[in-house]
N, C-alpha and C. Protein backbone atom coordinates (compact mmCIF):
# COMPACT_ATOMS: atom_id res chain seq x y z
N MET A 1 11.43 25.65 -1.47
CA MET A 1 12.41 25.14 -2.42
C MET A 1 11.68 24.73 -3.70
N ASN A 2 12.19 25.14 -4.80
CA ASN A 2 11.67 24.83 -6.12
C ASN A 2 11.88 23.34 -6.42
N PRO A 3 10.90 22.64 -7.04
CA PRO A 3 11.11 21.22 -7.34
C PRO A 3 12.28 20.97 -8.29
N GLN A 4 12.73 22.01 -8.99
CA GLN A 4 13.84 21.87 -9.92
C GLN A 4 15.20 22.10 -9.24
N THR A 5 15.20 22.31 -7.92
CA THR A 5 16.45 22.60 -7.23
C THR A 5 16.78 21.51 -6.22
N THR A 6 18.04 21.52 -5.81
CA THR A 6 18.53 20.59 -4.80
C THR A 6 19.07 21.41 -3.64
N ARG A 7 18.69 21.04 -2.41
CA ARG A 7 19.18 21.76 -1.23
C ARG A 7 20.48 21.10 -0.77
N LEU A 8 21.49 21.94 -0.56
CA LEU A 8 22.81 21.48 -0.14
C LEU A 8 23.27 22.28 1.07
N VAL A 9 24.21 21.69 1.84
CA VAL A 9 24.81 22.38 2.99
C VAL A 9 26.30 22.49 2.72
N LEU A 10 26.85 23.69 2.92
CA LEU A 10 28.26 23.93 2.64
C LEU A 10 29.18 23.33 3.68
N LYS A 11 30.26 22.70 3.21
CA LYS A 11 31.30 22.15 4.08
C LYS A 11 32.39 23.19 4.33
N ARG A 12 32.45 24.19 3.46
CA ARG A 12 33.46 25.24 3.60
C ARG A 12 32.91 26.53 2.98
N PRO A 13 33.51 27.68 3.29
CA PRO A 13 33.02 28.94 2.70
C PRO A 13 32.99 28.84 1.17
N HIS A 14 31.99 29.49 0.59
CA HIS A 14 31.80 29.40 -0.86
C HIS A 14 31.03 30.62 -1.35
N THR A 15 31.33 31.05 -2.56
CA THR A 15 30.57 32.13 -3.18
C THR A 15 29.71 31.52 -4.28
N HIS A 16 28.40 31.77 -4.19
CA HIS A 16 27.47 31.23 -5.17
C HIS A 16 26.58 32.37 -5.65
N ALA A 17 26.49 32.53 -6.95
CA ALA A 17 25.67 33.58 -7.57
C ALA A 17 26.02 34.96 -7.01
N GLY A 18 27.32 35.18 -6.78
CA GLY A 18 27.79 36.48 -6.31
C GLY A 18 27.59 36.74 -4.83
N LYS A 19 27.09 35.76 -4.09
CA LYS A 19 26.85 35.94 -2.66
C LYS A 19 27.76 35.00 -1.87
N SER A 20 28.38 35.51 -0.81
CA SER A 20 29.26 34.69 0.02
C SER A 20 28.45 33.91 1.05
N PHE A 21 28.79 32.63 1.20
CA PHE A 21 28.15 31.74 2.18
C PHE A 21 29.22 31.15 3.08
N GLN A 22 28.82 30.79 4.30
CA GLN A 22 29.74 30.23 5.28
C GLN A 22 29.46 28.74 5.49
N ILE A 23 30.35 28.07 6.21
CA ILE A 23 30.17 26.66 6.54
C ILE A 23 28.83 26.48 7.23
N GLY A 24 28.08 25.48 6.80
CA GLY A 24 26.79 25.18 7.40
C GLY A 24 25.61 25.88 6.75
N ASP A 25 25.88 26.87 5.91
CA ASP A 25 24.79 27.55 5.21
C ASP A 25 24.16 26.58 4.21
N ARG A 26 22.85 26.75 4.00
CA ARG A 26 22.12 25.93 3.03
C ARG A 26 21.90 26.75 1.77
N ILE A 27 22.10 26.10 0.63
CA ILE A 27 21.84 26.75 -0.65
C ILE A 27 20.99 25.82 -1.51
N ASP A 28 20.15 26.42 -2.34
CA ASP A 28 19.33 25.67 -3.29
C ASP A 28 19.89 25.94 -4.67
N VAL A 29 20.27 24.87 -5.37
CA VAL A 29 20.88 25.01 -6.70
C VAL A 29 20.23 24.05 -7.67
N ASP A 30 20.46 24.28 -8.96
CA ASP A 30 19.93 23.38 -9.98
C ASP A 30 20.69 22.05 -9.92
N PRO A 31 20.12 20.97 -10.46
CA PRO A 31 20.76 19.64 -10.37
C PRO A 31 22.18 19.59 -10.93
N HIS A 32 22.44 20.29 -12.03
CA HIS A 32 23.77 20.28 -12.64
C HIS A 32 24.81 20.90 -11.68
N THR A 33 24.46 22.04 -11.10
CA THR A 33 25.36 22.71 -10.15
C THR A 33 25.54 21.85 -8.90
N ALA A 34 24.47 21.21 -8.45
CA ALA A 34 24.55 20.34 -7.28
C ALA A 34 25.55 19.21 -7.52
N THR A 35 25.48 18.60 -8.70
CA THR A 35 26.41 17.51 -9.04
C THR A 35 27.84 18.01 -9.01
N TRP A 36 28.08 19.19 -9.57
CA TRP A 36 29.43 19.75 -9.60
C TRP A 36 29.93 20.06 -8.18
N LEU A 37 29.10 20.71 -7.37
CA LEU A 37 29.51 21.05 -6.00
C LEU A 37 29.80 19.78 -5.18
N LEU A 38 28.97 18.76 -5.35
CA LEU A 38 29.21 17.49 -4.65
C LEU A 38 30.52 16.86 -5.10
N SER A 39 30.81 16.90 -6.40
CA SER A 39 32.05 16.30 -6.92
C SER A 39 33.28 17.07 -6.43
N GLN A 40 33.12 18.35 -6.12
CA GLN A 40 34.24 19.17 -5.62
C GLN A 40 34.38 19.08 -4.10
N ASP A 41 33.51 18.31 -3.44
CA ASP A 41 33.51 18.13 -1.99
C ASP A 41 33.33 19.46 -1.25
N VAL A 42 32.50 20.33 -1.83
CA VAL A 42 32.21 21.64 -1.23
C VAL A 42 30.98 21.56 -0.35
N VAL A 43 30.10 20.61 -0.64
CA VAL A 43 28.80 20.52 0.02
C VAL A 43 28.44 19.08 0.33
N PHE A 44 27.38 18.92 1.11
CA PHE A 44 26.73 17.62 1.22
C PHE A 44 25.24 17.84 1.06
N ALA A 45 24.56 16.79 0.59
CA ALA A 45 23.12 16.88 0.32
C ALA A 45 22.34 16.81 1.62
N VAL A 46 21.19 17.44 1.63
CA VAL A 46 20.31 17.46 2.79
C VAL A 46 19.11 16.58 2.50
N ALA A 47 18.81 15.67 3.43
CA ALA A 47 17.60 14.87 3.31
C ALA A 47 16.44 15.72 3.83
N GLU A 48 15.48 15.97 2.99
CA GLU A 48 14.34 16.80 3.37
C GLU A 48 13.34 15.98 4.17
N PRO A 49 12.80 16.55 5.24
CA PRO A 49 11.76 15.84 5.99
C PRO A 49 10.49 15.74 5.15
N PRO A 50 9.65 14.75 5.41
CA PRO A 50 8.41 14.64 4.64
C PRO A 50 7.51 15.83 4.91
N ALA A 51 6.67 16.13 3.94
CA ALA A 51 5.73 17.25 4.10
C ALA A 51 4.81 16.98 5.28
N SER A 52 4.37 18.03 5.93
CA SER A 52 3.54 17.87 7.13
C SER A 52 2.19 17.22 6.82
N ASP A 53 1.75 17.27 5.57
CA ASP A 53 0.47 16.66 5.23
C ASP A 53 0.62 15.18 4.85
N THR A 54 1.85 14.63 4.97
CA THR A 54 2.07 13.22 4.68
C THR A 54 1.40 12.38 5.76
N PRO A 55 0.53 11.44 5.39
CA PRO A 55 -0.12 10.63 6.41
C PRO A 55 0.89 9.76 7.15
N LEU A 56 0.70 9.62 8.44
CA LEU A 56 1.57 8.78 9.25
C LEU A 56 1.15 7.33 9.10
N ASP A 57 2.07 6.43 9.25
CA ASP A 57 1.80 5.00 9.15
C ASP A 57 1.22 4.52 10.47
N PRO A 58 -0.05 4.09 10.52
CA PRO A 58 -0.66 3.68 11.78
C PRO A 58 0.05 2.47 12.40
N VAL A 59 0.63 1.61 11.60
CA VAL A 59 1.35 0.45 12.14
C VAL A 59 2.57 0.92 12.91
N LEU A 60 3.33 1.84 12.33
CA LEU A 60 4.50 2.36 13.03
C LEU A 60 4.11 3.14 14.27
N ASP A 61 2.99 3.85 14.22
CA ASP A 61 2.54 4.59 15.40
C ASP A 61 2.20 3.63 16.54
N GLU A 62 1.64 2.45 16.20
CA GLU A 62 1.32 1.47 17.23
C GLU A 62 2.57 0.93 17.89
N LEU A 63 3.64 0.79 17.11
CA LEU A 63 4.89 0.22 17.63
C LEU A 63 5.74 1.24 18.37
N ARG A 64 5.43 2.51 18.21
CA ARG A 64 6.22 3.55 18.87
C ARG A 64 6.07 3.42 20.38
N PRO A 65 7.18 3.39 21.12
CA PRO A 65 7.07 3.23 22.57
C PRO A 65 6.47 4.46 23.23
N GLU A 66 5.82 4.22 24.35
CA GLU A 66 5.27 5.32 25.13
C GLU A 66 6.42 6.10 25.77
N PRO A 67 6.27 7.38 25.95
CA PRO A 67 7.33 8.12 26.62
C PRO A 67 7.48 7.61 28.05
N SER A 68 8.72 7.53 28.50
CA SER A 68 8.93 7.02 29.85
C SER A 68 8.63 8.11 30.87
N LYS A 69 8.23 7.67 32.05
CA LYS A 69 7.92 8.65 33.09
C LYS A 69 9.23 9.12 33.73
N PRO A 70 9.27 10.34 34.20
CA PRO A 70 10.51 10.83 34.82
C PRO A 70 10.79 10.08 36.12
N LEU A 71 12.05 9.93 36.43
CA LEU A 71 12.44 9.25 37.66
C LEU A 71 12.17 10.14 38.87
N SER A 72 11.83 9.51 39.98
CA SER A 72 11.61 10.28 41.20
C SER A 72 12.98 10.63 41.81
N LYS A 73 12.95 11.49 42.80
CA LYS A 73 14.20 11.89 43.44
C LYS A 73 14.79 10.75 44.26
N SER A 74 13.99 9.82 44.67
CA SER A 74 14.47 8.67 45.44
C SER A 74 14.50 7.46 44.51
N PRO A 75 15.70 7.01 44.09
CA PRO A 75 15.76 5.90 43.13
C PRO A 75 15.05 4.64 43.59
N SER A 76 15.01 4.39 44.90
CA SER A 76 14.36 3.17 45.38
C SER A 76 12.87 3.16 45.06
N LYS A 77 12.26 4.33 44.93
CA LYS A 77 10.83 4.40 44.60
C LYS A 77 10.56 3.94 43.17
N ASP A 78 11.59 4.02 42.32
CA ASP A 78 11.42 3.65 40.92
C ASP A 78 11.61 2.15 40.67
N LEU A 79 12.14 1.44 41.66
CA LEU A 79 12.36 0.02 41.51
C LEU A 79 11.05 -0.74 41.71
N PRO A 80 10.88 -1.88 41.02
CA PRO A 80 9.65 -2.65 41.22
C PRO A 80 9.62 -3.25 42.63
N LYS A 81 8.42 -3.41 43.16
CA LYS A 81 8.28 -4.02 44.49
C LYS A 81 8.61 -5.49 44.39
N GLU A 82 9.23 -5.99 45.41
CA GLU A 82 9.61 -7.41 45.41
C GLU A 82 8.34 -8.26 45.52
N ILE A 83 8.40 -9.40 44.89
CA ILE A 83 7.29 -10.34 44.98
C ILE A 83 7.58 -11.29 46.14
N LYS A 84 6.65 -11.35 47.08
CA LYS A 84 6.83 -12.19 48.26
C LYS A 84 6.10 -13.51 48.04
N PRO A 85 6.78 -14.63 48.42
CA PRO A 85 6.15 -15.94 48.21
C PRO A 85 4.96 -16.16 49.12
């Protein structure tokens, strides 16, 4: 995507630059056209994911929970053992 363009997703069929697009198709348009399409309720804007070379935040990585282990076929095996006095 060109830095001068905005990526949009169509809410309904639309013809842009002589090409027909369907619902859910993504189009890249200049900012002026994007503003007009948004005002006509033809599209919605797409939030772009960060570039893959973006450094991750080590603090957030520390807070990220560990993946949970899969449950066994016997639910009683997954329960904690009782503490005996």
